Amino acid sequence: SRGFSQAYVSDGKLWQEAKGGEDSVERKPQAFGVAVVTLVGYYDPSAQLTSYVYPALHGSLGYCYADDSAEVKPSDCQLVVETKKGILRFRLSDRRIDPKHMNKFHVNVPASVQPTQFAIVSGGKVLVKRTIEPTTEKLAVSVNGLSPATR
């Protein structure tokens, strides 16, 4: 670092300069360039709007971050991912970031842990849950449309 640090927060339309750090957690990938299962959806921690999640996406290369199982409490809003190797928990904001809209989430988990289902849980209550269908084919890897072996 060169001693210069700025943070910006989006309200969904504009980026506003922020103090930084109050609502964010600095993260470093624990794995990159690995097969991933991407979980995406919208949730309302106050449960006033109906939360929904999309079918899981399977990707051949991606970044994965450590889960928050060591720090997350049962009362926290969280993404709970059931895998063949155990449960992963990712802390989510327990308040609406924009009071008029639901919060978005986008989390990659390594395909190697074989996730089977995921749920958004807030205050100990399941808001939405979905089964993860396994991929039906081997995913190809390409860089700019070319297989790395042909480069």
Protein backbone atom coordinates (compact mmCIF):
# COMPACT_ATOMS: atom_id res chain seq x y z
CA SER A 1 0.00 0.00 0.00
CA ARG A 2 1.09 3.53 -0.68
CA GLY A 3 -0.87 5.00 2.21
CA PHE A 4 -3.90 5.81 0.03
CA SER A 5 -7.15 4.05 0.79
CA GLN A 6 -10.71 4.81 -0.27
CA ALA A 7 -13.87 2.77 -0.08
CA TYR A 8 -17.10 3.10 -2.04
CA VAL A 9 -20.53 1.65 -1.35
CA SER A 10 -23.23 1.30 -3.99
CA ASP A 11 -26.86 2.07 -3.28
CA GLY A 12 -27.77 0.17 -6.44
CA LYS A 13 -27.55 3.25 -8.65
CA LEU A 14 -24.60 5.35 -7.51
CA TRP A 15 -21.30 4.72 -5.76
CA GLN A 16 -20.87 6.80 -2.61
CA GLU A 17 -17.55 7.30 -0.85
CA ALA A 18 -17.61 5.54 2.51
CA LYS A 19 -15.34 5.26 5.51
CA GLY A 20 -14.85 1.61 4.63
CA GLY A 21 -14.72 -1.39 6.84
CA GLU A 22 -17.95 -0.93 8.76
CA ASP A 23 -20.00 -3.37 6.67
CA SER A 24 -17.29 -5.25 4.85
CA VAL A 25 -14.88 -8.02 5.66
CA GLU A 26 -11.52 -8.14 3.95
CA ARG A 27 -11.19 -11.53 2.31
CA LYS A 28 -8.48 -13.36 0.45
CA PRO A 29 -9.27 -16.35 -1.79
CA GLN A 30 -8.30 -19.70 -0.30
CA ALA A 31 -8.57 -21.40 -3.70
CA PHE A 32 -8.50 -20.10 -7.26
CA GLY A 33 -8.71 -21.69 -10.67
CA VAL A 34 -10.80 -24.55 -9.25
CA ALA A 35 -14.13 -26.04 -10.34
CA VAL A 36 -16.88 -24.15 -8.50
CA VAL A 37 -20.58 -24.28 -7.74
CA THR A 38 -21.96 -20.73 -7.77
CA LEU A 39 -24.92 -19.89 -5.55
CA VAL A 40 -26.86 -16.71 -6.37
CA GLY A 41 -30.08 -15.18 -5.13
CA TYR A 42 -31.95 -12.45 -3.29
CA TYR A 43 -33.02 -12.43 0.33
CA ASP A 44 -34.84 -10.16 2.75
CA PRO A 45 -33.41 -10.51 6.27
CA SER A 46 -36.60 -8.97 7.70
CA ALA A 47 -38.70 -11.63 5.86
CA GLN A 48 -41.18 -9.01 4.58
CA LEU A 49 -40.45 -9.93 0.95
CA THR A 50 -40.24 -13.47 -0.41
CA SER A 51 -36.59 -14.49 -0.78
CA TYR A 52 -35.57 -16.54 -3.81
CA VAL A 53 -32.53 -18.38 -5.08
CA TYR A 54 -31.54 -19.52 -8.54
CA PRO A 55 -30.51 -23.05 -9.51
CA ALA A 56 -26.82 -23.57 -8.78
CA LEU A 57 -24.38 -22.79 -11.58
CA HIS A 58 -21.41 -25.06 -12.28
CA GLY A 59 -18.17 -23.45 -13.43
CA SER A 60 -14.85 -24.90 -14.53
CA LEU A 61 -12.67 -22.17 -12.99
CA GLY A 62 -13.35 -19.83 -10.09
CA TYR A 63 -12.28 -18.29 -6.80
CA CYS A 64 -13.42 -19.63 -3.43
CA TYR A 65 -13.22 -18.00 -0.02
CA ALA A 66 -13.22 -19.57 3.43
CA ASP A 67 -16.62 -19.84 5.09
CA ASP A 68 -17.54 -18.09 8.34
CA SER A 69 -18.43 -21.19 10.39
CA ALA A 70 -16.02 -20.24 13.18
CA GLU A 71 -17.59 -16.79 13.71
CA VAL A 72 -21.24 -17.10 12.65
CA LYS A 73 -23.88 -17.40 15.39
CA PRO A 74 -27.20 -19.27 15.00
CA SER A 75 -29.08 -15.94 15.16
CA ASP A 76 -27.02 -14.40 12.30
CA CYS A 77 -28.36 -14.12 8.79
CA GLN A 78 -26.40 -16.71 6.82
CA LEU A 79 -26.09 -18.85 3.74
CA VAL A 80 -25.96 -22.49 4.88
CA VAL A 81 -24.52 -24.94 2.35
CA GLU A 82 -24.83 -28.68 2.99
CA THR A 83 -22.02 -30.67 1.36
CA LYS A 84 -20.83 -34.29 1.38
CA LYS A 85 -17.92 -33.03 3.53
CA GLY A 86 -19.95 -31.05 6.09
CA ILE A 87 -21.78 -27.75 6.49
CA LEU A 88 -20.45 -24.40 5.24
CA ARG A 89 -21.83 -21.15 6.69
CA PHE A 90 -21.38 -17.73 5.11
CA ARG A 91 -22.48 -14.67 7.08
CA LEU A 92 -24.86 -12.34 5.22
CA SER A 93 -26.01 -8.85 6.13
CA ASP A 94 -28.78 -9.00 8.72
CA ARG A 95 -30.37 -5.79 7.45
CA ARG A 96 -31.46 -4.60 4.04
CA ILE A 97 -28.60 -2.70 2.43
CA ASP A 98 -31.19 -0.67 0.51
CA PRO A 99 -34.44 -0.31 2.50
CA LYS A 100 -36.56 -0.64 -0.67
CA HIS A 101 -34.93 -3.77 -2.12
CA MET A 102 -33.78 -7.22 -1.13
CA ASN A 103 -30.09 -8.03 -0.68
CA LYS A 104 -28.18 -10.02 -3.30
CA PHE A 105 -25.70 -12.79 -2.61
CA HIS A 106 -23.21 -14.57 -4.88
CA VAL A 107 -20.99 -17.25 -3.33
CA ASN A 108 -18.69 -19.81 -4.95
CA VAL A 109 -18.04 -23.10 -3.18
CA PRO A 110 -15.51 -25.66 -4.41
CA ALA A 111 -17.18 -28.39 -6.48
CA SER A 112 -14.85 -30.86 -4.73
CA VAL A 113 -16.91 -30.60 -1.50
CA GLN A 114 -19.97 -31.84 -3.44
CA PRO A 115 -22.65 -29.41 -2.24
CA THR A 116 -26.14 -30.94 -2.09
CA GLN A 117 -28.41 -28.09 -0.96
CA PHE A 118 -28.35 -24.53 0.34
CA ALA A 119 -30.59 -22.28 2.40
CA ILE A 120 -30.80 -18.69 3.57
CA VAL A 121 -31.40 -18.63 7.32
CA SER A 122 -32.18 -15.46 9.29
CA GLY A 123 -32.74 -15.43 13.04
CA GLY A 124 -32.81 -19.23 13.01
CA LYS A 125 -35.66 -19.31 10.47
CA VAL A 126 -35.22 -20.74 6.95
CA LEU A 127 -36.23 -18.06 4.42
CA VAL A 128 -35.62 -20.15 1.30
CA LYS A 129 -34.00 -23.49 0.47
CA ARG A 130 -32.95 -25.23 -2.74
CA THR A 131 -31.44 -28.57 -3.76
CA ILE A 132 -28.23 -28.43 -5.81
CA GLU A 133 -28.37 -30.63 -8.88
CA PRO A 134 -24.99 -32.17 -9.77
CA THR A 135 -23.43 -31.30 -13.09
CA THR A 136 -24.27 -33.75 -15.86
CA GLU A 137 -21.11 -33.31 -17.91
CA LYS A 138 -17.42 -32.54 -17.56
CA LEU A 139 -16.92 -28.80 -17.81
CA ALA A 140 -14.44 -27.58 -20.42
CA VAL A 141 -11.78 -25.02 -19.63
CA SER A 142 -10.92 -22.30 -22.13
CA VAL A 143 -9.07 -19.01 -22.08
CA ASN A 144 -10.45 -16.57 -24.64
CA GLY A 145 -12.13 -19.52 -26.35
CA LEU A 146 -8.96 -21.61 -26.57
CA SER A 147 -8.06 -24.68 -24.57
CA PRO A 148 -4.96 -23.94 -22.44
CA ALA A 149 -3.28 -27.01 -24.00
CA THR A 150 -3.43 -25.39 -27.47
CA ARG A 151 -1.79 -22.13 -26.45
